[in-house]
Amino acid sequence: MKKTSTLMRKARRASQSIVGGDKLMDALTSKAYVSAMVEGIREEVPPVSKISHMLHEQFPGNAPDLKATPVRQFIGMAVKAILMDEGYELDETGVRIANDPVFRTGSTYRLAAASEVEEDDDILARFVAMLNPDELRRLQDLVKAAL
């Protein structure tokens, strides 16, 4: 059985705070969605641009509301967790997406180096992975001050 990553556990917990989050998480982790995401990586476009039409068709109502910022952020976090588990790493963030029904920007991914594919057991890496963006900026300031 495959070990669940920290990011995937965080995404699953986050799905509980969104109306329809469980159904959304089930859809995102399905083979069809993961295949579409990987296709986006091969085409060097943000994977969310390959699944947004699928999401729009599968969830036409307001549960979940795909236009809501927290829902879009959750989808981005879940996509990142799924792709990291599939052996990809973040390449570039803030990539503009034109004429998309859900997203305006997204991130691109690349195949992770062989040594980085396995989940890191380093306690510092696990600690940093659990921090939110504000905490990461604070940590960065503390590290700069210490050096």
N, C-alpha and C. Protein backbone atom coordinates (compact mmCIF):
# COMPACT_ATOMS: atom_id res chain seq x y z
N MET A 1 0.83 -1.18 0.00
CA MET A 1 0.00 0.00 0.00
C MET A 1 0.88 1.24 0.00
N LYS A 2 0.51 2.23 -0.83
CA LYS A 2 1.30 3.44 -0.96
C LYS A 2 1.11 4.34 0.25
N LYS A 3 2.21 4.88 0.78
CA LYS A 3 2.16 5.77 1.93
C LYS A 3 1.58 7.12 1.51
N THR A 4 0.64 7.65 2.28
CA THR A 4 0.02 8.93 1.98
C THR A 4 0.96 10.06 2.37
N SER A 5 1.16 10.99 1.46
CA SER A 5 2.07 12.10 1.72
C SER A 5 1.43 13.13 2.64
N THR A 6 2.26 13.97 3.21
CA THR A 6 1.81 15.04 4.08
C THR A 6 0.89 15.99 3.32
N LEU A 7 1.27 16.33 2.09
CA LEU A 7 0.45 17.25 1.29
C LEU A 7 -0.92 16.65 0.98
N MET A 8 -0.97 15.36 0.73
CA MET A 8 -2.24 14.72 0.42
C MET A 8 -3.13 14.67 1.67
N ARG A 9 -2.54 14.40 2.83
CA ARG A 9 -3.33 14.42 4.06
C ARG A 9 -3.89 15.82 4.32
N LYS A 10 -3.08 16.83 4.07
CA LYS A 10 -3.51 18.22 4.25
C LYS A 10 -4.65 18.55 3.28
N ALA A 11 -4.54 18.10 2.05
CA ALA A 11 -5.59 18.34 1.05
C ALA A 11 -6.89 17.65 1.46
N ARG A 12 -6.78 16.44 1.95
CA ARG A 12 -7.99 15.72 2.37
C ARG A 12 -8.66 16.42 3.56
N ARG A 13 -7.86 16.94 4.48
CA ARG A 13 -8.43 17.69 5.60
C ARG A 13 -9.10 18.97 5.10
N ALA A 14 -8.45 19.64 4.16
CA ALA A 14 -9.00 20.89 3.61
C ALA A 14 -10.31 20.64 2.87
N SER A 15 -10.47 19.48 2.28
CA SER A 15 -11.70 19.18 1.55
C SER A 15 -12.91 19.17 2.49
N GLN A 16 -12.67 18.94 3.78
CA GLN A 16 -13.75 18.91 4.75
C GLN A 16 -14.33 20.31 5.01
N SER A 17 -13.56 21.35 4.69
CA SER A 17 -14.01 22.71 4.98
C SER A 17 -14.72 23.36 3.79
N ILE A 18 -14.92 22.61 2.71
CA ILE A 18 -15.56 23.14 1.51
C ILE A 18 -16.84 22.37 1.26
N VAL A 19 -17.91 23.10 0.94
CA VAL A 19 -19.17 22.43 0.59
C VAL A 19 -18.93 21.61 -0.68
N GLY A 20 -19.18 20.33 -0.61
CA GLY A 20 -18.93 19.44 -1.74
C GLY A 20 -17.47 19.06 -1.91
N GLY A 21 -16.67 19.33 -0.89
CA GLY A 21 -15.23 19.08 -0.97
C GLY A 21 -14.87 17.62 -1.14
N ASP A 22 -15.64 16.72 -0.50
CA ASP A 22 -15.36 15.28 -0.64
C ASP A 22 -15.54 14.82 -2.08
N LYS A 23 -16.65 15.26 -2.70
CA LYS A 23 -16.90 14.89 -4.10
C LYS A 23 -15.84 15.49 -5.01
N LEU A 24 -15.44 16.70 -4.71
CA LEU A 24 -14.41 17.37 -5.50
C LEU A 24 -13.08 16.63 -5.37
N MET A 25 -12.72 16.22 -4.16
CA MET A 25 -11.47 15.49 -3.94
C MET A 25 -11.52 14.14 -4.64
N ASP A 26 -12.67 13.46 -4.58
CA ASP A 26 -12.81 12.18 -5.29
C ASP A 26 -12.61 12.36 -6.79
N ALA A 27 -13.18 13.43 -7.34
CA ALA A 27 -13.02 13.70 -8.77
C ALA A 27 -11.56 13.97 -9.11
N LEU A 28 -10.91 14.82 -8.32
CA LEU A 28 -9.52 15.20 -8.61
C LEU A 28 -8.57 14.01 -8.55
N THR A 29 -8.85 13.05 -7.68
CA THR A 29 -7.96 11.90 -7.55
C THR A 29 -8.33 10.75 -8.50
N SER A 30 -9.39 10.93 -9.30
CA SER A 30 -9.78 9.87 -10.24
C SER A 30 -8.77 9.77 -11.38
N LYS A 31 -8.73 8.62 -12.02
CA LYS A 31 -7.77 8.37 -13.10
C LYS A 31 -7.93 9.36 -14.24
N ALA A 32 -9.15 9.71 -14.59
CA ALA A 32 -9.39 10.63 -15.70
C ALA A 32 -8.77 12.01 -15.42
N TYR A 33 -8.96 12.50 -14.21
CA TYR A 33 -8.41 13.81 -13.86
C TYR A 33 -6.89 13.76 -13.76
N VAL A 34 -6.36 12.73 -13.14
CA VAL A 34 -4.89 12.62 -13.01
C VAL A 34 -4.26 12.50 -14.40
N SER A 35 -4.87 11.75 -15.28
CA SER A 35 -4.36 11.63 -16.66
C SER A 35 -4.36 12.99 -17.36
N ALA A 36 -5.44 13.75 -17.17
CA ALA A 36 -5.51 15.09 -17.78
C ALA A 36 -4.43 16.01 -17.21
N MET A 37 -4.18 15.91 -15.90
CA MET A 37 -3.14 16.72 -15.28
C MET A 37 -1.76 16.38 -15.85
N VAL A 38 -1.50 15.08 -15.98
CA VAL A 38 -0.21 14.64 -16.53
C VAL A 38 -0.08 15.09 -17.98
N GLU A 39 -1.17 15.08 -18.72
CA GLU A 39 -1.15 15.57 -20.10
C GLU A 39 -0.76 17.05 -20.11
N GLY A 40 -1.28 17.83 -19.16
CA GLY A 40 -0.91 19.24 -19.04
C GLY A 40 0.57 19.42 -18.78
N ILE A 41 1.14 18.54 -17.97
CA ILE A 41 2.58 18.61 -17.69
C ILE A 41 3.37 18.34 -18.98
N ARG A 42 2.95 17.33 -19.73
CA ARG A 42 3.64 17.01 -21.00
C ARG A 42 3.55 18.18 -21.98
N GLU A 43 2.42 18.89 -21.98
CA GLU A 43 2.23 20.03 -22.87
C GLU A 43 2.83 21.32 -22.31
N GLU A 44 3.41 21.24 -21.11
CA GLU A 44 4.02 22.38 -20.42
C GLU A 44 3.04 23.52 -20.19
N VAL A 45 1.81 23.15 -19.79
CA VAL A 45 0.79 24.12 -19.39
C VAL A 45 0.36 23.78 -17.97
N PRO A 46 -0.24 24.73 -17.25
CA PRO A 46 -0.71 24.40 -15.91
C PRO A 46 -1.74 23.27 -15.95
N PRO A 47 -1.55 22.22 -15.17
CA PRO A 47 -2.48 21.10 -15.17
C PRO A 47 -3.92 21.49 -14.86
N VAL A 48 -4.12 22.56 -14.07
CA VAL A 48 -5.50 22.97 -13.77
C VAL A 48 -6.23 23.40 -15.02
N SER A 49 -5.49 23.86 -16.04
CA SER A 49 -6.15 24.27 -17.29
C SER A 49 -6.69 23.06 -18.05
N LYS A 50 -6.14 21.89 -17.79
CA LYS A 50 -6.61 20.67 -18.46
C LYS A 50 -7.81 20.05 -17.75
N ILE A 51 -8.03 20.41 -16.49
CA ILE A 51 -9.15 19.81 -15.75
C ILE A 51 -10.29 20.79 -15.50
N SER A 52 -10.09 22.06 -15.78
CA SER A 52 -11.11 23.05 -15.44
C SER A 52 -12.42 22.81 -16.19
N HIS A 53 -12.33 22.45 -17.47
CA HIS A 53 -13.56 22.16 -18.23
C HIS A 53 -14.25 20.92 -17.67
N MET A 54 -13.48 19.93 -17.26
CA MET A 54 -14.05 18.73 -16.66
C MET A 54 -14.77 19.08 -15.36
N LEU A 55 -14.14 19.93 -14.54
CA LEU A 55 -14.75 20.36 -13.28
C LEU A 55 -16.02 21.15 -13.54
N HIS A 56 -15.95 22.04 -14.52
CA HIS A 56 -17.10 22.88 -14.85
C HIS A 56 -18.30 22.03 -15.29
N GLU A 57 -18.03 20.97 -16.03
CA GLU A 57 -19.10 20.08 -16.49
C GLU A 57 -19.63 19.20 -15.35
N GLN A 58 -18.72 18.70 -14.52
CA GLN A 58 -19.12 17.78 -13.44
C GLN A 58 -19.81 18.50 -12.29
N PHE A 59 -19.45 19.75 -12.05
CA PHE A 59 -20.01 20.52 -10.94
C PHE A 59 -20.64 21.81 -11.46
N PRO A 60 -21.77 21.73 -12.17
CA PRO A 60 -22.37 22.92 -12.78
C PRO A 60 -23.05 23.86 -11.79
N GLY A 61 -23.43 23.39 -10.63
CA GLY A 61 -24.15 24.22 -9.66
C GLY A 61 -23.20 24.97 -8.76
N ASN A 62 -23.66 25.20 -7.55
CA ASN A 62 -22.86 25.94 -6.56
C ASN A 62 -22.32 25.07 -5.45
N ALA A 63 -22.26 23.78 -5.65
CA ALA A 63 -21.72 22.89 -4.62
C ALA A 63 -20.74 21.92 -5.23
N PRO A 64 -19.49 22.21 -5.26
CA PRO A 64 -18.81 23.41 -4.78
C PRO A 64 -18.87 24.55 -5.81
N ASP A 65 -18.75 25.78 -5.32
CA ASP A 65 -18.74 26.96 -6.17
C ASP A 65 -17.33 27.13 -6.72
N LEU A 66 -17.13 26.72 -7.97
CA LEU A 66 -15.79 26.73 -8.57
C LEU A 66 -15.23 28.14 -8.76
N LYS A 67 -16.07 29.15 -8.68
CA LYS A 67 -15.60 30.54 -8.83
C LYS A 67 -15.12 31.12 -7.50
N ALA A 68 -15.43 30.46 -6.39
CA ALA A 68 -15.02 30.96 -5.08
C ALA A 68 -13.51 30.78 -4.89
N THR A 69 -12.88 31.81 -4.40
CA THR A 69 -11.43 31.78 -4.21
C THR A 69 -10.97 30.61 -3.32
N PRO A 70 -11.60 30.34 -2.18
CA PRO A 70 -11.14 29.21 -1.37
C PRO A 70 -11.23 27.87 -2.10
N VAL A 71 -12.24 27.72 -2.93
CA VAL A 71 -12.39 26.47 -3.69
C VAL A 71 -11.28 26.36 -4.73
N ARG A 72 -11.00 27.44 -5.44
CA ARG A 72 -9.90 27.41 -6.43
C ARG A 72 -8.56 27.15 -5.75
N GLN A 73 -8.36 27.76 -4.57
CA GLN A 73 -7.11 27.52 -3.83
C GLN A 73 -7.02 26.07 -3.39
N PHE A 74 -8.13 25.53 -2.94
CA PHE A 74 -8.15 24.12 -2.55
C PHE A 74 -7.80 23.23 -3.73
N ILE A 75 -8.40 23.50 -4.88
CA ILE A 75 -8.12 22.69 -6.08
C ILE A 75 -6.63 22.75 -6.40
N GLY A 76 -6.04 23.94 -6.35
CA GLY A 76 -4.61 24.08 -6.61
C GLY A 76 -3.77 23.29 -5.63
N MET A 77 -4.14 23.34 -4.34
CA MET A 77 -3.41 22.59 -3.32
C MET A 77 -3.55 21.08 -3.56
N ALA A 78 -4.76 20.65 -3.90
CA ALA A 78 -5.00 19.23 -4.14
C ALA A 78 -4.24 18.75 -5.37
N VAL A 79 -4.24 19.55 -6.43
CA VAL A 79 -3.51 19.19 -7.65
C VAL A 79 -2.02 19.06 -7.33
N LYS A 80 -1.50 19.99 -6.56
CA LYS A 80 -0.08 19.92 -6.18
C LYS A 80 0.20 18.63 -5.41
N ALA A 81 -0.64 18.29 -4.44
CA ALA A 81 -0.45 17.08 -3.64
C ALA A 81 -0.51 15.84 -4.52
N ILE A 82 -1.48 15.80 -5.42
CA ILE A 82 -1.65 14.64 -6.31
C ILE A 82 -0.43 14.48 -7.20
N LEU A 83 0.02 15.58 -7.79
CA LEU A 83 1.16 15.50 -8.71
C LEU A 83 2.46 15.21 -7.98
N MET A 84 2.62 15.71 -6.77
CA MET A 84 3.82 15.38 -5.99
C MET A 84 3.84 13.88 -5.70
N ASP A 85 2.67 13.30 -5.38
CA ASP A 85 2.59 11.86 -5.15
C ASP A 85 2.88 11.07 -6.41
N GLU A 86 2.62 11.67 -7.56
CA GLU A 86 2.86 11.01 -8.84
C GLU A 86 4.32 11.17 -9.30
N GLY A 87 5.13 11.90 -8.53
CA GLY A 87 6.55 12.04 -8.85
C GLY A 87 6.92 13.30 -9.61
N TYR A 88 6.08 14.33 -9.51
CA TYR A 88 6.36 15.60 -10.16
C TYR A 88 6.68 16.64 -9.11
N GLU A 89 7.34 17.72 -9.53
CA GLU A 89 7.65 18.81 -8.63
C GLU A 89 7.22 20.13 -9.25
N LEU A 90 7.02 21.12 -8.41
CA LEU A 90 6.61 22.44 -8.85
C LEU A 90 7.70 23.05 -9.72
N ASP A 91 7.29 23.62 -10.85
CA ASP A 91 8.24 24.25 -11.76
C ASP A 91 8.10 25.76 -11.72
N GLU A 92 6.90 26.27 -12.01
CA GLU A 92 6.69 27.71 -12.07
C GLU A 92 5.28 28.03 -11.57
N THR A 93 5.14 29.12 -10.84
CA THR A 93 3.82 29.52 -10.34
C THR A 93 3.36 30.81 -11.02
N GLY A 94 2.07 31.09 -10.92
CA GLY A 94 1.53 32.33 -11.46
C GLY A 94 1.47 32.40 -12.97
N VAL A 95 1.40 31.26 -13.63
CA VAL A 95 1.34 31.22 -15.09
C VAL A 95 -0.08 31.58 -15.52
N ARG A 96 -0.21 32.59 -16.37
CA ARG A 96 -1.51 33.05 -16.85
C ARG A 96 -2.19 31.99 -17.71
N ILE A 97 -3.51 31.85 -17.52
CA ILE A 97 -4.32 30.92 -18.30
C ILE A 97 -5.41 31.74 -18.99
N ALA A 98 -5.43 31.73 -20.31
CA ALA A 98 -6.41 32.50 -21.06
C ALA A 98 -7.68 31.69 -21.31
N ASN A 99 -8.82 32.37 -21.29
CA ASN A 99 -10.12 31.79 -21.64
C ASN A 99 -10.44 30.50 -20.89
N ASP A 100 -10.21 30.51 -19.60
CA ASP A 100 -10.50 29.33 -18.78
C ASP A 100 -11.76 29.60 -17.96
N PRO A 101 -12.66 28.61 -17.85
CA PRO A 101 -13.91 28.85 -17.12
C PRO A 101 -13.74 28.94 -15.59
N VAL A 102 -12.61 28.50 -15.06
CA VAL A 102 -12.43 28.47 -13.61
C VAL A 102 -11.20 29.27 -13.16
N PHE A 103 -10.06 29.06 -13.80
CA PHE A 103 -8.80 29.62 -13.32
C PHE A 103 -8.27 30.74 -14.20
N ARG A 104 -7.59 31.70 -13.55
CA ARG A 104 -6.91 32.77 -14.27
C ARG A 104 -5.40 32.50 -14.33
N THR A 105 -4.88 31.84 -13.28
CA THR A 105 -3.47 31.48 -13.23
C THR A 105 -3.34 30.05 -12.70
N GLY A 106 -2.17 29.48 -12.92
CA GLY A 106 -1.89 28.15 -12.43
C GLY A 106 -0.40 27.94 -12.33
N SER A 107 -0.01 26.76 -11.90
CA SER A 107 1.40 26.40 -11.76
C SER A 107 1.74 25.31 -12.76
N THR A 108 2.99 25.31 -13.19
CA THR A 108 3.47 24.23 -14.05
C THR A 108 4.33 23.30 -13.22
N TYR A 109 4.48 22.07 -13.70
CA TYR A 109 5.22 21.04 -12.98
C TYR A 109 6.18 20.35 -13.93
N ARG A 110 7.16 19.68 -13.35
CA ARG A 110 8.12 18.87 -14.11
C ARG A 110 8.38 17.60 -13.34
N LEU A 111 8.92 16.61 -14.03
CA LEU A 111 9.26 15.35 -13.39
C LEU A 111 10.36 15.60 -12.37
N ALA A 112 10.16 15.10 -11.16
CA ALA A 112 11.13 15.30 -10.09
C ALA A 112 12.38 14.47 -10.36
N ALA A 113 13.50 14.96 -9.86
CA ALA A 113 14.75 14.21 -9.97
C ALA A 113 14.57 12.90 -9.21
N ALA A 114 15.24 11.86 -9.64
CA ALA A 114 15.06 10.52 -9.06
C ALA A 114 15.24 10.51 -7.55
N SER A 115 16.19 11.26 -7.04
CA SER A 115 16.45 11.26 -5.60
C SER A 115 15.37 11.99 -4.81
N GLU A 116 14.56 12.83 -5.50
CA GLU A 116 13.55 13.62 -4.80
C GLU A 116 12.18 12.97 -4.85
N VAL A 117 12.01 11.87 -5.58
CA VAL A 117 10.70 11.26 -5.75
C VAL A 117 10.19 10.66 -4.44
N GLU A 118 11.06 10.05 -3.64
CA GLU A 118 10.64 9.45 -2.39
C GLU A 118 10.36 10.53 -1.37
N GLU A 119 9.36 10.31 -0.50
CA GLU A 119 9.04 11.28 0.53
C GLU A 119 10.21 11.40 1.50
N ASP A 120 10.54 12.61 1.82
CA ASP A 120 11.69 12.89 2.66
C ASP A 120 11.34 12.66 4.13
N ASP A 121 12.20 11.92 4.84
CA ASP A 121 11.99 11.67 6.25
C ASP A 121 12.68 12.70 7.13
N ASP A 122 13.31 13.70 6.51
CA ASP A 122 13.99 14.75 7.24
C ASP A 122 12.97 15.56 8.04
N ILE A 123 13.19 15.69 9.34
CA ILE A 123 12.23 16.38 10.20
C ILE A 123 12.07 17.85 9.81
N LEU A 124 13.14 18.48 9.37
CA LEU A 124 13.04 19.88 8.95
C LEU A 124 12.18 20.02 7.71
N ALA A 125 12.33 19.10 6.76
CA ALA A 125 11.52 19.14 5.55
C ALA A 125 10.05 18.94 5.89
N ARG A 126 9.76 18.03 6.81
CA ARG A 126 8.38 17.81 7.22
C ARG A 126 7.82 19.02 7.96
N PHE A 127 8.65 19.66 8.77
CA PHE A 127 8.22 20.85 9.48
C PHE A 127 7.88 21.98 8.51
N VAL A 128 8.75 22.23 7.55
CA VAL A 128 8.53 23.29 6.57
C VAL A 128 7.30 22.98 5.72
N ALA A 129 7.07 21.72 5.37
CA ALA A 129 5.93 21.34 4.53
C ALA A 129 4.60 21.62 5.21
N MET A 130 4.57 21.65 6.51
CA MET A 130 3.30 21.87 7.21
C MET A 130 2.99 23.35 7.44
N LEU A 131 3.92 24.24 7.13
CA LEU A 131 3.71 25.66 7.37
C LEU A 131 2.86 26.31 6.27
N ASN A 132 2.07 27.29 6.67
CA ASN A 132 1.29 28.04 5.68
C ASN A 132 2.18 29.16 5.11
N PRO A 133 1.75 29.86 4.05
CA PRO A 133 2.61 30.88 3.42
C PRO A 133 3.08 31.98 4.39
N ASP A 134 2.22 32.43 5.30
CA ASP A 134 2.64 33.46 6.26
C ASP A 134 3.73 32.94 7.18
N GLU A 135 3.58 31.71 7.63
CA GLU A 135 4.58 31.11 8.51
C GLU A 135 5.90 30.88 7.76
N LEU A 136 5.81 30.52 6.47
CA LEU A 136 7.03 30.33 5.68
C LEU A 136 7.79 31.65 5.52
N ARG A 137 7.06 32.75 5.30
CA ARG A 137 7.72 34.05 5.19
C ARG A 137 8.39 34.42 6.51
N ARG A 138 7.72 34.16 7.62
CA ARG A 138 8.29 34.44 8.95
C ARG A 138 9.54 33.59 9.18
N LEU A 139 9.47 32.32 8.80
CA LEU A 139 10.63 31.44 8.93
C LEU A 139 11.80 31.96 8.08
N GLN A 140 11.48 32.41 6.88
CA GLN A 140 12.52 32.95 6.00
C GLN A 140 13.22 34.13 6.66
N ASP A 141 12.43 35.03 7.27
CA ASP A 141 13.01 36.18 7.97
C ASP A 141 13.88 35.73 9.14
N LEU A 142 13.44 34.73 9.89
CA LEU A 142 14.23 34.24 11.01
C LEU A 142 15.54 33.60 10.57
N VAL A 143 15.50 32.87 9.46
CA VAL A 143 16.71 32.24 8.94
C VAL A 143 17.70 33.29 8.45
N LYS A 144 17.18 34.30 7.75
CA LYS A 144 18.04 35.39 7.27
C LYS A 144 18.71 36.10 8.45
N ALA A 145 17.95 36.33 9.51
CA ALA A 145 18.50 36.99 10.70
C ALA A 145 19.57 36.13 11.37
N ALA A 146 19.37 34.82 11.34
CA ALA A 146 20.32 33.91 11.99
C ALA A 146 21.62 33.79 11.20
N LEU A 147 21.55 33.97 9.89
CA LEU A 147 22.75 33.84 9.05
C LEU A 147 23.44 35.17 9.03
